[in-house]
Amino acid sequence: MVLVRRLLLALVFAGVACLAYVFPTSNSEPVALGFEWFDQTWRLPAVPVWVVVSVAYLLGVGTATAALTWKILKQGLAGRRYRKAVAGLESEIHQLRNLPLEGSDAVGSDPALASGDPAGPSTKPGA
């Protein structure tokens, strides 16, 4: 299994290496870029097409990475808040379970409950 994984990794690496060689050589024509912003015009010197495509790709990857990182951080912080709230509520439940019931002197003071009768004291006459 490890051998198959390594072979696939080598094939992917070889494909990327071929693409890295073929893409720039087949897209080497120069392109002049100009940007117009209201009444301002900026002209860039002629650069090969592969540079323009690569820069656009990297800008897209960077923007997507920043957006996803922001989302993941927000979800992590929300999860942390929820975990803290759940811990607080679990602590409150634990404290409430340890409180004695109102009207009873102590836990186990009822002789019927102490004897193991879950119905409580008998209400039958003569019992």
N, C-alpha and C. Protein backbone atom coordinates (compact mmCIF):
# COMPACT_ATOMS: atom_id res chain seq x y z
N MET A 1 0.82 -1.19 0.00
CA MET A 1 0.00 0.00 0.00
C MET A 1 0.87 1.26 0.00
N VAL A 2 1.96 1.21 0.75
CA VAL A 2 2.86 2.35 0.81
C VAL A 2 3.51 2.56 -0.55
N LEU A 3 3.83 1.46 -1.24
CA LEU A 3 4.46 1.56 -2.56
C LEU A 3 3.51 2.21 -3.56
N VAL A 4 2.24 1.83 -3.52
CA VAL A 4 1.24 2.43 -4.42
C VAL A 4 1.09 3.91 -4.13
N ARG A 5 1.06 4.27 -2.86
CA ARG A 5 0.93 5.68 -2.49
C ARG A 5 2.13 6.49 -2.98
N ARG A 6 3.32 5.92 -2.84
CA ARG A 6 4.53 6.62 -3.30
C ARG A 6 4.55 6.75 -4.82
N LEU A 7 4.10 5.71 -5.52
CA LEU A 7 4.04 5.80 -6.99
C LEU A 7 3.05 6.87 -7.44
N LEU A 8 1.89 6.93 -6.79
CA LEU A 8 0.93 7.97 -7.14
C LEU A 8 1.48 9.36 -6.85
N LEU A 9 2.18 9.50 -5.75
CA LEU A 9 2.79 10.78 -5.43
C LEU A 9 3.85 11.16 -6.47
N ALA A 10 4.63 10.19 -6.90
CA ALA A 10 5.65 10.45 -7.92
C ALA A 10 5.00 10.84 -9.24
N LEU A 11 3.89 10.19 -9.60
CA LEU A 11 3.18 10.54 -10.84
C LEU A 11 2.60 11.95 -10.77
N VAL A 12 2.04 12.30 -9.65
CA VAL A 12 1.49 13.65 -9.49
C VAL A 12 2.61 14.68 -9.57
N PHE A 13 3.72 14.39 -8.91
CA PHE A 13 4.86 15.31 -8.96
C PHE A 13 5.39 15.46 -10.38
N ALA A 14 5.48 14.36 -11.13
CA ALA A 14 5.94 14.42 -12.52
C ALA A 14 4.97 15.21 -13.39
N GLY A 15 3.67 15.05 -13.15
CA GLY A 15 2.67 15.82 -13.90
C GLY A 15 2.77 17.30 -13.63
N VAL A 16 2.96 17.66 -12.39
CA VAL A 16 3.10 19.08 -12.04
C VAL A 16 4.39 19.65 -12.64
N ALA A 17 5.46 18.87 -12.61
CA ALA A 17 6.72 19.33 -13.20
C ALA A 17 6.57 19.54 -14.70
N CYS A 18 5.90 18.62 -15.40
CA CYS A 18 5.67 18.79 -16.84
C CYS A 18 4.82 20.02 -17.11
N LEU A 19 3.77 20.20 -16.32
CA LEU A 19 2.91 21.37 -16.48
C LEU A 19 3.70 22.66 -16.23
N ALA A 20 4.57 22.64 -15.24
CA ALA A 20 5.37 23.82 -14.92
C ALA A 20 6.34 24.16 -16.05
N TYR A 21 6.72 23.18 -16.85
CA TYR A 21 7.61 23.44 -17.97
C TYR A 21 6.81 23.82 -19.22
N VAL A 22 5.73 23.10 -19.50
CA VAL A 22 4.97 23.31 -20.74
C VAL A 22 4.18 24.61 -20.71
N PHE A 23 3.56 24.93 -19.58
CA PHE A 23 2.72 26.12 -19.52
C PHE A 23 3.47 27.41 -19.86
N PRO A 24 4.62 27.69 -19.25
CA PRO A 24 5.32 28.93 -19.61
C PRO A 24 5.86 28.93 -21.04
N THR A 25 6.33 27.78 -21.52
CA THR A 25 6.90 27.76 -22.87
C THR A 25 5.83 27.94 -23.94
N SER A 26 4.62 27.47 -23.69
CA SER A 26 3.57 27.61 -24.71
C SER A 26 2.80 28.93 -24.56
N ASN A 27 3.00 29.67 -23.49
CA ASN A 27 2.31 30.95 -23.28
C ASN A 27 3.31 32.06 -23.03
N SER A 28 4.27 32.19 -23.91
CA SER A 28 5.33 33.18 -23.70
C SER A 28 5.10 34.49 -24.46
N GLU A 29 3.96 34.62 -25.14
CA GLU A 29 3.70 35.87 -25.89
C GLU A 29 3.53 37.03 -24.91
N PRO A 30 4.11 38.18 -25.18
CA PRO A 30 3.97 39.32 -24.26
C PRO A 30 2.59 39.97 -24.38
N VAL A 31 2.10 40.44 -23.25
CA VAL A 31 0.80 41.12 -23.18
C VAL A 31 1.00 42.42 -22.42
N ALA A 32 0.45 43.52 -22.96
CA ALA A 32 0.52 44.81 -22.26
C ALA A 32 -0.77 44.99 -21.47
N LEU A 33 -0.63 45.35 -20.22
CA LEU A 33 -1.79 45.55 -19.36
C LEU A 33 -1.95 47.01 -19.02
N GLY A 34 -3.19 47.46 -18.99
CA GLY A 34 -3.49 48.83 -18.59
C GLY A 34 -4.71 48.84 -17.69
N PHE A 35 -4.68 49.69 -16.69
CA PHE A 35 -5.79 49.82 -15.76
C PHE A 35 -6.29 51.25 -15.80
N GLU A 36 -7.61 51.40 -15.86
CA GLU A 36 -8.21 52.74 -15.83
C GLU A 36 -9.07 52.85 -14.59
N TRP A 37 -8.78 53.88 -13.81
CA TRP A 37 -9.54 54.13 -12.59
C TRP A 37 -9.97 55.58 -12.63
N PHE A 38 -11.25 55.81 -12.86
CA PHE A 38 -11.81 57.14 -13.09
C PHE A 38 -11.02 57.83 -14.18
N ASP A 39 -10.28 58.90 -13.92
CA ASP A 39 -9.51 59.53 -14.99
C ASP A 39 -8.03 59.19 -14.91
N GLN A 40 -7.65 58.21 -14.14
CA GLN A 40 -6.26 57.76 -14.04
C GLN A 40 -6.07 56.53 -14.92
N THR A 41 -4.94 56.45 -15.60
CA THR A 41 -4.61 55.29 -16.41
C THR A 41 -3.21 54.82 -16.04
N TRP A 42 -3.12 53.54 -15.71
CA TRP A 42 -1.83 52.94 -15.39
C TRP A 42 -1.50 51.90 -16.45
N ARG A 43 -0.30 51.95 -16.96
CA ARG A 43 0.15 50.98 -17.96
C ARG A 43 1.32 50.19 -17.37
N LEU A 44 1.24 48.90 -17.52
CA LEU A 44 2.33 48.04 -17.09
C LEU A 44 3.13 47.61 -18.31
N PRO A 45 4.41 47.35 -18.13
CA PRO A 45 5.20 46.88 -19.26
C PRO A 45 4.70 45.51 -19.73
N ALA A 46 5.00 45.16 -20.94
CA ALA A 46 4.56 43.90 -21.51
C ALA A 46 5.19 42.73 -20.74
N VAL A 47 4.36 41.79 -20.36
CA VAL A 47 4.81 40.60 -19.64
C VAL A 47 4.22 39.39 -20.35
N PRO A 48 4.84 38.23 -20.20
CA PRO A 48 4.30 37.03 -20.83
C PRO A 48 2.92 36.65 -20.24
N VAL A 49 2.13 35.96 -21.05
CA VAL A 49 0.79 35.56 -20.64
C VAL A 49 0.84 34.66 -19.40
N TRP A 50 1.82 33.78 -19.33
CA TRP A 50 1.88 32.85 -18.20
C TRP A 50 2.08 33.57 -16.87
N VAL A 51 2.75 34.73 -16.91
CA VAL A 51 2.93 35.51 -15.68
C VAL A 51 1.59 36.09 -15.23
N VAL A 52 0.82 36.61 -16.19
CA VAL A 52 -0.48 37.20 -15.87
C VAL A 52 -1.41 36.13 -15.30
N VAL A 53 -1.45 34.96 -15.95
CA VAL A 53 -2.32 33.88 -15.49
C VAL A 53 -1.87 33.38 -14.11
N SER A 54 -0.59 33.24 -13.92
CA SER A 54 -0.08 32.76 -12.63
C SER A 54 -0.37 33.73 -11.50
N VAL A 55 -0.20 35.02 -11.76
CA VAL A 55 -0.49 36.03 -10.73
C VAL A 55 -1.98 36.04 -10.40
N ALA A 56 -2.83 35.94 -11.43
CA ALA A 56 -4.27 35.90 -11.18
C ALA A 56 -4.65 34.66 -10.36
N TYR A 57 -4.06 33.53 -10.68
CA TYR A 57 -4.31 32.28 -9.94
C TYR A 57 -3.88 32.42 -8.49
N LEU A 58 -2.69 32.95 -8.27
CA LEU A 58 -2.19 33.09 -6.90
C LEU A 58 -3.01 34.10 -6.10
N LEU A 59 -3.47 35.16 -6.74
CA LEU A 59 -4.35 36.11 -6.04
C LEU A 59 -5.67 35.44 -5.64
N GLY A 60 -6.21 34.61 -6.52
CA GLY A 60 -7.44 33.89 -6.20
C GLY A 60 -7.24 32.91 -5.06
N VAL A 61 -6.13 32.18 -5.10
CA VAL A 61 -5.84 31.22 -4.03
C VAL A 61 -5.64 31.96 -2.70
N GLY A 62 -4.95 33.08 -2.74
CA GLY A 62 -4.73 33.85 -1.51
C GLY A 62 -6.03 34.41 -0.95
N THR A 63 -6.89 34.92 -1.82
CA THR A 63 -8.18 35.44 -1.36
C THR A 63 -9.04 34.34 -0.77
N ALA A 64 -9.11 33.19 -1.44
CA ALA A 64 -9.91 32.08 -0.93
C ALA A 64 -9.36 31.57 0.40
N THR A 65 -8.04 31.50 0.51
CA THR A 65 -7.42 31.05 1.76
C THR A 65 -7.73 32.01 2.90
N ALA A 66 -7.65 33.30 2.63
CA ALA A 66 -7.96 34.29 3.67
C ALA A 66 -9.42 34.20 4.10
N ALA A 67 -10.33 34.04 3.13
CA ALA A 67 -11.75 33.96 3.47
C ALA A 67 -12.05 32.69 4.27
N LEU A 68 -11.49 31.57 3.86
CA LEU A 68 -11.73 30.32 4.59
C LEU A 68 -11.10 30.35 5.97
N THR A 69 -9.93 30.94 6.08
CA THR A 69 -9.29 31.05 7.39
C THR A 69 -10.14 31.88 8.33
N TRP A 70 -10.69 32.97 7.83
CA TRP A 70 -11.56 33.82 8.63
C TRP A 70 -12.78 33.04 9.10
N LYS A 71 -13.41 32.28 8.18
CA LYS A 71 -14.58 31.47 8.55
C LYS A 71 -14.23 30.43 9.60
N ILE A 72 -13.11 29.75 9.41
CA ILE A 72 -12.70 28.71 10.36
C ILE A 72 -12.42 29.31 11.73
N LEU A 73 -11.78 30.48 11.78
CA LEU A 73 -11.52 31.14 13.06
C LEU A 73 -12.81 31.54 13.75
N LYS A 74 -13.78 32.06 12.99
CA LYS A 74 -15.06 32.44 13.57
C LYS A 74 -15.79 31.22 14.12
N GLN A 75 -15.77 30.11 13.37
CA GLN A 75 -16.43 28.90 13.85
C GLN A 75 -15.73 28.33 15.08
N GLY A 76 -14.42 28.42 15.11
CA GLY A 76 -13.67 27.95 16.27
C GLY A 76 -14.00 28.75 17.51
N LEU A 77 -14.11 30.07 17.36
CA LEU A 77 -14.46 30.91 18.50
C LEU A 77 -15.89 30.64 18.96
N ALA A 78 -16.80 30.44 18.02
CA ALA A 78 -18.19 30.13 18.40
C ALA A 78 -18.24 28.78 19.11
N GLY A 79 -17.51 27.79 18.61
CA GLY A 79 -17.45 26.50 19.27
C GLY A 79 -16.90 26.59 20.67
N ARG A 80 -15.90 27.43 20.85
CA ARG A 80 -15.32 27.61 22.18
C ARG A 80 -16.34 28.22 23.13
N ARG A 81 -17.10 29.22 22.65
CA ARG A 81 -18.15 29.82 23.48
C ARG A 81 -19.20 28.78 23.86
N TYR A 82 -19.59 27.94 22.90
CA TYR A 82 -20.61 26.92 23.19
C TYR A 82 -20.09 25.88 24.18
N ARG A 83 -18.82 25.49 24.02
CA ARG A 83 -18.25 24.52 24.96
C ARG A 83 -18.19 25.10 26.38
N LYS A 84 -17.87 26.40 26.50
CA LYS A 84 -17.85 27.03 27.82
C LYS A 84 -19.26 27.09 28.41
N ALA A 85 -20.25 27.40 27.57
CA ALA A 85 -21.63 27.46 28.05
C ALA A 85 -22.09 26.08 28.50
N VAL A 86 -21.77 25.04 27.74
CA VAL A 86 -22.15 23.68 28.11
C VAL A 86 -21.46 23.28 29.41
N ALA A 87 -20.20 23.62 29.57
CA ALA A 87 -19.49 23.29 30.81
C ALA A 87 -20.14 23.98 32.00
N GLY A 88 -20.54 25.23 31.84
CA GLY A 88 -21.22 25.94 32.91
C GLY A 88 -22.56 25.31 33.25
N LEU A 89 -23.31 24.92 32.23
CA LEU A 89 -24.60 24.28 32.47
C LEU A 89 -24.43 22.91 33.12
N GLU A 90 -23.41 22.16 32.71
CA GLU A 90 -23.15 20.86 33.34
C GLU A 90 -22.76 21.04 34.80
N SER A 91 -21.99 22.07 35.09
CA SER A 91 -21.62 22.36 36.47
C SER A 91 -22.86 22.71 37.29
N GLU A 92 -23.76 23.48 36.70
CA GLU A 92 -24.99 23.84 37.41
C GLU A 92 -25.85 22.60 37.67
N ILE A 93 -25.95 21.70 36.70
CA ILE A 93 -26.70 20.46 36.89
C ILE A 93 -26.08 19.65 38.02
N HIS A 94 -24.77 19.57 38.05
CA HIS A 94 -24.08 18.82 39.11
C HIS A 94 -24.39 19.42 40.48
N GLN A 95 -24.38 20.75 40.58
CA GLN A 95 -24.68 21.41 41.84
C GLN A 95 -26.13 21.17 42.25
N LEU A 96 -27.06 21.20 41.29
CA LEU A 96 -28.46 20.98 41.60
C LEU A 96 -28.72 19.54 42.03
N ARG A 97 -27.99 18.60 41.49
CA ARG A 97 -28.16 17.20 41.89
C ARG A 97 -27.72 16.97 43.33
N ASN A 98 -26.79 17.76 43.79
CA ASN A 98 -26.27 17.59 45.14
C ASN A 98 -27.07 18.33 46.20
N LEU A 99 -28.05 19.13 45.79
CA LEU A 99 -28.88 19.85 46.76
C LEU A 99 -29.90 18.89 47.37
N PRO A 100 -30.20 19.02 48.68
CA PRO A 100 -31.26 18.20 49.28
C PRO A 100 -32.62 18.69 48.78
N LEU A 101 -33.57 17.78 48.72
CA LEU A 101 -34.91 18.15 48.29
C LEU A 101 -35.59 18.97 49.37
N GLU A 102 -36.45 19.87 48.95
CA GLU A 102 -37.14 20.74 49.88
C GLU A 102 -38.17 19.93 50.67
N GLY A 103 -38.21 20.10 51.98
CA GLY A 103 -39.18 19.40 52.82
C GLY A 103 -38.67 18.10 53.40
N SER A 104 -37.54 17.62 52.94
CA SER A 104 -36.99 16.39 53.53
C SER A 104 -35.82 16.77 54.42
N ASP A 105 -35.72 16.02 55.53
CA ASP A 105 -34.65 16.33 56.48
C ASP A 105 -33.30 15.93 55.95
N ALA A 106 -33.22 14.74 55.46
CA ALA A 106 -31.96 14.25 54.92
C ALA A 106 -32.27 13.16 53.92
N VAL A 107 -31.36 12.89 53.09
CA VAL A 107 -31.54 11.83 52.11
C VAL A 107 -31.52 10.51 52.85
N GLY A 108 -32.50 9.66 52.59
CA GLY A 108 -32.56 8.36 53.23
C GLY A 108 -33.26 8.38 54.57
N SER A 109 -33.94 9.50 54.95
CA SER A 109 -34.62 9.55 56.24
C SER A 109 -35.97 8.85 56.21
N ASP A 110 -36.50 8.60 55.03
CA ASP A 110 -37.77 7.90 54.92
C ASP A 110 -37.53 6.41 55.07
N PRO A 111 -38.13 5.77 56.07
CA PRO A 111 -37.85 4.35 56.30
C PRO A 111 -38.31 3.48 55.14
N ALA A 112 -39.38 3.85 54.45
CA ALA A 112 -39.85 3.03 53.33
C ALA A 112 -38.85 3.06 52.19
N LEU A 113 -38.26 4.22 51.94
CA LEU A 113 -37.26 4.33 50.88
C LEU A 113 -35.98 3.64 51.29
N ALA A 114 -35.66 3.70 52.56
CA ALA A 114 -34.45 3.05 53.04
C ALA A 114 -34.58 1.54 52.96
N SER A 115 -35.83 1.00 53.10
CA SER A 115 -36.01 -0.44 53.02
C SER A 115 -35.99 -0.94 51.58
N GLY A 116 -35.99 -0.04 50.62
CA GLY A 116 -35.91 -0.45 49.23
C GLY A 116 -37.24 -0.41 48.52
N ASP A 117 -38.31 0.08 49.17
CA ASP A 117 -39.61 0.16 48.52
C ASP A 117 -39.67 1.44 47.70
N PRO A 118 -39.68 1.34 46.34
CA PRO A 118 -39.66 2.55 45.52
C PRO A 118 -40.97 3.30 45.55
N ALA A 119 -42.07 2.68 46.02
CA ALA A 119 -43.37 3.36 46.03
C ALA A 119 -43.48 4.30 47.22
N GLY A 120 -42.61 4.22 48.15
CA GLY A 120 -42.65 5.10 49.30
C GLY A 120 -43.41 4.46 50.43
N PRO A 121 -43.83 5.26 51.41
CA PRO A 121 -44.55 4.69 52.57
C PRO A 121 -45.90 4.14 52.14
N SER A 122 -46.30 3.12 52.81
CA SER A 122 -47.55 2.47 52.48
C SER A 122 -48.71 3.31 52.96
N THR A 123 -49.74 3.47 52.16
CA THR A 123 -50.94 4.24 52.53
C THR A 123 -52.11 3.33 52.86
N LYS A 124 -51.89 2.02 52.84
CA LYS A 124 -52.96 1.07 53.15
C LYS A 124 -53.19 1.06 54.66
N PRO A 125 -54.44 1.00 55.04
CA PRO A 125 -54.70 0.93 56.48
C PRO A 125 -54.24 -0.41 57.02
N GLY A 126 -53.64 -0.38 58.11
CA GLY A 126 -53.19 -1.57 58.78
C GLY A 126 -51.85 -2.07 58.29
N ALA A 127 -51.21 -1.33 57.45
CA ALA A 127 -49.93 -1.80 56.97
C ALA A 127 -48.81 -1.25 57.79
